[in-house]
Amino acid sequence: MKSKSKILLRAALIFVAVIIYTSLFIYFRFNYFVWTTGLGMTCILLFYTWKMIRRYPAWYAAYMFDGKIVGLKKKVEKPRLFFYSVFWPPMVLSIYVVFSTPSTETMSNSILLYSLFISLFISGVAFLNLTWKSDFESRYIPFIRDAVAKRNYEFKAQIDDESLGSIFDGLISFGFLEYLDDSLRISNRKKFIRIFKEGYYPDKPLFKMKMDNIQTHYFFDCLKENINGLDLDGYLQIFYHDRNKKQPTEDSIRSSKSKSLNGPKRKEDLDAIFNK
């Protein structure tokens, strides 16, 4: 609550400062206001645009010639590109408005119009600058992802927190999950419940399972009965199976299942996890 109040206060102070700046400039010389403000906004936008695109030619060339793409971190570049796609167009519109809108007969209307679009531009700059901060990946991306997850989900549990916790505990009881560190077990139990309750994928698989491909397929089938919208590809983004020191693929799991003439090993234990 306090952080929201601080943000609103800062936004209000910036808007007041913009109004004062616009009022003084328009009052003394309208043409100077337009060209000084417009050119300043254009230079700032060009700087952030150049900062974004300057690395893409090298990445594109490396990709086309099967070279190593150095410096590309998809989990950072994709959110950054999203921010640019959202805020870059309004910033261009703001510059257009400053350059093309004539002064109105009523000075107060002109001040309000220009102040609104200058403030919109400043907001865009603030968000674009956010994507270049050193803690964008560690602090802001998880915050935004969690906020989005609360409003939109790809899968979601149809059972309550207690039942989700019981599945996690069952995996440990029957030896399909193992934790030597009790604090890590408690932490991952909370993450397990949260992932399926809010319906989001972690940055990397969190739960190291001791199952073969046929057991994995059976466990997935049981799990998806309680999780709406979960597919096998999504399952492999949450659970890690390191048989032969390699994470199996969706195709390899389905292939193993189709070739199997019998059910999974320890089927009774897997059923017991879901109280079947």
Protein backbone atom coordinates (compact mmCIF):
# COMPACT_ATOMS: atom_id res chain seq x y z
CA MET A 1 0.00 0.00 0.00
CA LYS A 2 2.82 2.40 0.88
CA SER A 3 4.64 1.65 -2.40
CA LYS A 4 1.49 2.43 -4.39
CA SER A 5 1.10 5.73 -2.53
CA LYS A 6 4.72 6.64 -3.32
CA ILE A 7 4.20 5.89 -7.01
CA LEU A 8 1.04 7.98 -7.15
CA LEU A 9 2.76 10.83 -5.31
CA ARG A 10 5.72 10.80 -7.70
CA ALA A 11 3.39 10.71 -10.71
CA ALA A 12 1.42 13.67 -9.34
CA LEU A 13 4.61 15.67 -8.69
CA ILE A 14 5.89 14.97 -12.21
CA PHE A 15 2.57 16.04 -13.74
CA VAL A 16 2.59 19.27 -11.71
CA ALA A 17 6.18 19.94 -12.82
CA VAL A 18 5.19 19.35 -16.46
CA ILE A 19 2.26 21.77 -16.12
CA ILE A 20 4.53 24.46 -14.66
CA TYR A 21 7.12 23.91 -17.42
CA THR A 22 4.48 23.99 -20.16
CA SER A 23 2.74 27.06 -18.73
CA LEU A 24 5.93 29.12 -18.51
CA PHE A 25 7.19 28.12 -21.95
CA ILE A 26 3.87 28.66 -23.75
CA TYR A 27 3.36 31.98 -22.01
CA PHE A 28 6.70 33.39 -23.18
CA ARG A 29 7.16 31.80 -26.64
CA PHE A 30 4.96 29.07 -28.08
CA ASN A 31 7.20 28.24 -31.07
CA TYR A 32 10.26 27.81 -28.84
CA PHE A 33 8.24 25.50 -26.61
CA VAL A 34 7.21 23.31 -29.56
CA TRP A 35 10.67 22.97 -31.08
CA THR A 36 12.63 22.68 -27.84
CA THR A 37 10.25 20.14 -26.32
CA GLY A 38 9.67 18.22 -29.55
CA LEU A 39 13.34 17.92 -30.43
CA GLY A 40 14.24 16.92 -26.87
CA MET A 41 11.58 14.18 -26.92
CA THR A 42 12.74 13.01 -30.34
CA CYS A 43 16.37 12.73 -29.21
CA ILE A 44 15.38 10.74 -26.14
CA LEU A 45 13.23 8.36 -28.18
CA LEU A 46 15.99 7.87 -30.75
CA PHE A 47 18.46 7.08 -27.96
CA TYR A 48 16.26 4.34 -26.46
CA THR A 49 15.42 3.00 -29.92
CA TRP A 50 19.11 2.79 -30.84
CA LYS A 51 19.87 1.17 -27.50
CA MET A 52 17.33 -1.54 -28.29
CA ILE A 53 18.11 -2.32 -31.94
CA ARG A 54 21.88 -1.85 -32.07
CA ARG A 55 22.56 -5.47 -31.04
CA TYR A 56 20.03 -7.11 -33.37
CA PRO A 57 22.09 -7.00 -36.61
CA ALA A 58 24.89 -9.01 -34.95
CA TRP A 59 22.40 -11.50 -33.47
CA TYR A 60 20.61 -11.83 -36.81
CA ALA A 61 23.88 -12.44 -38.68
CA ALA A 62 24.98 -15.04 -36.11
CA TYR A 63 21.62 -16.80 -36.36
CA MET A 64 21.60 -16.88 -40.18
CA PHE A 65 25.14 -18.27 -40.37
CA ASP A 66 24.68 -20.77 -37.53
CA GLY A 67 27.06 -18.85 -35.30
CA LYS A 68 26.97 -18.49 -31.56
CA ILE A 69 24.58 -15.76 -30.47
CA VAL A 70 26.47 -13.90 -27.76
CA GLY A 71 24.65 -11.82 -25.15
CA LEU A 72 21.11 -12.88 -26.02
CA LYS A 73 19.03 -13.79 -22.96
CA LYS A 74 15.53 -14.63 -24.13
CA LYS A 75 13.95 -14.33 -20.71
CA VAL A 76 15.19 -10.72 -20.56
CA GLU A 77 14.84 -9.69 -24.21
CA LYS A 78 11.25 -10.91 -24.57
CA PRO A 79 9.92 -8.84 -21.62
CA ARG A 80 12.03 -5.88 -22.80
CA LEU A 81 10.58 -6.17 -26.30
CA PHE A 82 7.09 -6.34 -24.78
CA PHE A 83 7.67 -3.08 -22.91
CA TYR A 84 8.94 -1.43 -26.07
CA SER A 85 5.96 -2.64 -28.11
CA VAL A 86 3.56 -1.19 -25.54
CA PHE A 87 5.22 2.16 -24.76
CA TRP A 88 7.12 3.07 -27.96
CA PRO A 89 3.97 3.84 -30.07
CA PRO A 90 2.44 6.25 -27.46
CA MET A 91 5.81 8.01 -27.24
CA VAL A 92 5.82 8.52 -31.02
CA LEU A 93 2.23 9.78 -30.80
CA SER A 94 3.23 12.25 -28.07
CA ILE A 95 5.99 13.69 -30.27
CA TYR A 96 3.56 13.99 -33.16
CA VAL A 97 1.05 15.84 -31.00
CA VAL A 98 3.69 18.30 -29.75
CA PHE A 99 4.88 19.12 -33.28
CA SER A 100 1.55 19.14 -35.10
CA THR A 101 -1.04 20.54 -32.69
CA PRO A 102 -1.55 24.30 -33.08
CA SER A 103 -2.05 26.51 -30.08
CA THR A 104 -5.71 26.86 -29.09
CA GLU A 105 -7.36 30.15 -28.34
CA THR A 106 -7.69 29.19 -24.71
CA MET A 107 -4.27 29.00 -23.09
CA SER A 108 -5.46 26.64 -20.35
CA ASN A 109 -6.61 24.09 -22.98
CA SER A 110 -3.21 24.19 -24.68
CA ILE A 111 -1.39 23.72 -21.37
CA LEU A 112 -3.58 20.76 -20.42
CA LEU A 113 -3.26 19.06 -23.82
CA TYR A 114 0.52 19.39 -24.04
CA SER A 115 0.99 18.48 -20.39
CA LEU A 116 -0.97 15.25 -20.82
CA PHE A 117 1.08 14.08 -23.80
CA ILE A 118 4.41 15.15 -22.33
CA SER A 119 3.52 13.23 -19.16
CA LEU A 120 2.59 10.22 -21.31
CA PHE A 121 6.00 10.44 -22.97
CA ILE A 122 7.78 10.67 -19.61
CA SER A 123 5.89 7.59 -18.42
CA GLY A 124 7.10 5.72 -21.51
CA VAL A 125 10.68 6.78 -20.84
CA ALA A 126 10.39 5.58 -17.24
CA PHE A 127 9.21 2.13 -18.31
CA LEU A 128 11.77 1.76 -21.10
CA ASN A 129 14.52 2.81 -18.71
CA LEU A 130 13.28 0.18 -16.27
CA THR A 131 14.12 -2.56 -18.79
CA TRP A 132 17.79 -1.53 -18.78
CA LYS A 133 18.27 -1.61 -15.02
CA SER A 134 20.66 -4.23 -13.67
CA ASP A 135 17.92 -5.78 -11.50
CA PHE A 136 15.29 -5.94 -14.28
CA GLU A 137 15.73 -9.71 -14.60
CA SER A 138 15.93 -10.56 -10.91
CA ARG A 139 13.41 -8.11 -9.50
CA TYR A 140 10.99 -6.69 -12.04
CA ILE A 141 10.41 -9.62 -14.40
CA PRO A 142 9.29 -11.99 -11.58
CA PHE A 143 7.07 -9.23 -10.16
CA ILE A 144 5.39 -8.62 -13.53
CA ARG A 145 5.09 -12.33 -14.26
CA ASP A 146 3.41 -12.95 -10.92
CA ALA A 147 1.03 -10.03 -11.51
CA VAL A 148 0.08 -11.44 -14.91
CA ALA A 149 -0.29 -14.94 -13.48
CA LYS A 150 -2.92 -13.72 -11.04
CA ARG A 151 -5.03 -12.42 -13.94
CA ASN A 152 -4.37 -14.99 -16.60
CA TYR A 153 -3.32 -18.62 -16.36
CA GLU A 154 -2.46 -21.44 -18.75
CA PHE A 155 -3.42 -24.14 -16.25
CA LYS A 156 -4.98 -24.16 -12.83
CA ALA A 157 -5.70 -26.61 -10.03
CA GLN A 158 -9.24 -27.85 -9.53
CA ILE A 159 -8.34 -28.98 -6.02
CA ASP A 160 -7.55 -26.99 -2.89
CA ASP A 161 -4.19 -26.17 -1.30
CA GLU A 162 -4.43 -29.07 1.16
CA SER A 163 -4.89 -31.60 -1.65
CA LEU A 164 -1.97 -30.12 -3.61
CA GLY A 165 0.19 -30.35 -0.50
CA SER A 166 -0.91 -33.95 -0.04
CA ILE A 167 0.28 -34.84 -3.57
CA PHE A 168 3.66 -33.27 -2.85
CA ASP A 169 3.92 -35.12 0.47
CA GLY A 170 2.95 -38.37 -1.24
CA LEU A 171 5.72 -38.02 -3.80
CA ILE A 172 8.21 -37.73 -0.94
CA SER A 173 6.67 -40.55 1.12
CA PHE A 174 6.97 -43.01 -1.78
CA GLY A 175 10.46 -41.86 -2.73
CA PHE A 176 9.63 -40.18 -6.04
CA LEU A 177 10.93 -36.90 -4.64
CA GLU A 178 13.81 -36.64 -2.19
CA TYR A 179 15.04 -33.77 0.00
CA LEU A 180 17.97 -33.97 2.38
CA ASP A 181 17.45 -30.37 3.45
CA ASP A 182 14.20 -29.93 5.38
CA SER A 183 14.09 -26.18 4.80
CA LEU A 184 14.32 -26.77 1.03
CA ARG A 185 11.52 -29.32 1.25
CA ILE A 186 9.25 -26.83 3.04
CA SER A 187 10.12 -24.09 0.56
CA ASN A 188 9.47 -26.30 -2.48
CA ARG A 189 6.19 -27.56 -1.01
CA LYS A 190 4.96 -23.95 -0.92
CA LYS A 191 6.19 -23.41 -4.50
CA PHE A 192 4.43 -26.60 -5.63
CA ILE A 193 1.11 -25.39 -4.24
CA ARG A 194 1.58 -21.88 -5.60
CA ILE A 195 2.50 -23.01 -9.14
CA PHE A 196 -0.64 -25.09 -9.55
CA LYS A 197 -2.87 -22.70 -7.66
CA GLU A 198 -1.88 -19.63 -9.73
CA GLY A 199 -1.16 -21.49 -12.96
CA TYR A 200 2.29 -20.27 -14.01
CA TYR A 201 5.47 -21.96 -15.20
CA PRO A 202 8.71 -21.48 -13.23
CA ASP A 203 11.83 -20.24 -15.01
CA LYS A 204 13.19 -23.78 -14.94
CA PRO A 205 11.91 -27.19 -13.71
CA LEU A 206 11.94 -27.23 -9.92
CA PHE A 207 11.02 -30.75 -8.86
CA LYS A 208 13.53 -33.55 -9.56
CA MET A 209 11.49 -36.72 -9.95
CA LYS A 210 12.72 -40.31 -9.64
CA MET A 211 10.55 -41.91 -12.32
CA ASP A 212 11.02 -43.64 -15.64
CA ASN A 213 9.12 -42.50 -18.74
CA ILE A 214 6.17 -44.85 -18.25
CA GLN A 215 5.76 -43.83 -14.60
CA THR A 216 6.04 -40.19 -15.68
CA HIS A 217 3.25 -40.60 -18.23
CA TYR A 218 1.00 -42.30 -15.69
CA PHE A 219 1.71 -39.68 -13.01
CA PHE A 220 1.01 -36.93 -15.56
CA ASP A 221 -2.33 -38.54 -16.49
CA CYS A 222 -3.31 -38.66 -12.82
CA LEU A 223 -2.16 -35.10 -12.22
CA LYS A 224 -4.01 -33.58 -15.18
CA GLU A 225 -7.28 -34.99 -13.85
CA ASN A 226 -6.90 -32.41 -11.08
CA ILE A 227 -5.19 -29.64 -13.07
CA ASN A 228 -7.23 -27.93 -15.76
CA GLY A 229 -5.29 -27.04 -18.94
CA LEU A 230 -2.02 -28.85 -18.12
CA ASP A 231 -0.33 -30.64 -21.04
CA LEU A 232 2.75 -32.84 -21.11
CA ASP A 233 4.98 -30.10 -22.51
CA GLY A 234 3.90 -27.84 -19.64
CA TYR A 235 4.46 -30.67 -17.17
CA LEU A 236 8.10 -30.90 -18.28
CA GLN A 237 8.54 -27.21 -17.53
CA ILE A 238 7.70 -27.92 -13.89
CA PHE A 239 9.15 -31.38 -13.21
CA TYR A 240 12.66 -32.57 -14.00
CA HIS A 241 13.48 -36.21 -14.79
CA ASP A 242 17.21 -36.78 -15.17
CA ARG A 243 17.35 -40.39 -16.29
CA ASN A 244 20.62 -40.83 -18.20
CA LYS A 245 21.43 -37.25 -17.14
CA LYS A 246 19.02 -35.90 -19.73
CA GLN A 247 15.54 -34.43 -19.45
CA PRO A 248 13.12 -36.58 -21.51
CA THR A 249 11.01 -34.97 -24.21
CA GLU A 250 7.29 -35.15 -24.73
CA ASP A 251 7.85 -37.46 -27.72
CA SER A 252 10.19 -39.82 -25.84
CA ILE A 253 7.71 -40.18 -22.97
CA ARG A 254 4.79 -40.90 -25.32
CA SER A 255 6.95 -43.32 -27.32
CA SER A 256 7.89 -45.27 -24.17
CA LYS A 257 4.24 -45.41 -23.16
CA SER A 258 3.09 -46.68 -26.56
CA LYS A 259 5.75 -49.43 -26.58
CA SER A 260 4.94 -50.64 -23.07
CA LEU A 261 2.86 -53.78 -22.79
CA ASN A 262 2.40 -53.43 -19.03
CA GLY A 263 1.41 -50.64 -16.70
CA PRO A 264 3.90 -48.51 -14.79
CA LYS A 265 6.07 -49.94 -12.07
CA ARG A 266 4.78 -49.23 -8.55
CA LYS A 267 1.36 -48.29 -9.90
CA GLU A 268 -0.18 -48.81 -6.46
CA ASP A 269 2.17 -46.21 -4.96
CA LEU A 270 1.35 -43.72 -7.70
CA ASP A 271 -2.37 -44.29 -7.16
CA ALA A 272 -1.94 -43.83 -3.42
CA ILE A 273 -0.50 -40.36 -4.00
CA PHE A 274 -3.89 -39.36 -5.43
CA ASN A 275 -5.86 -41.44 -2.92
CA LYS A 276 -7.14 -43.76 -5.65
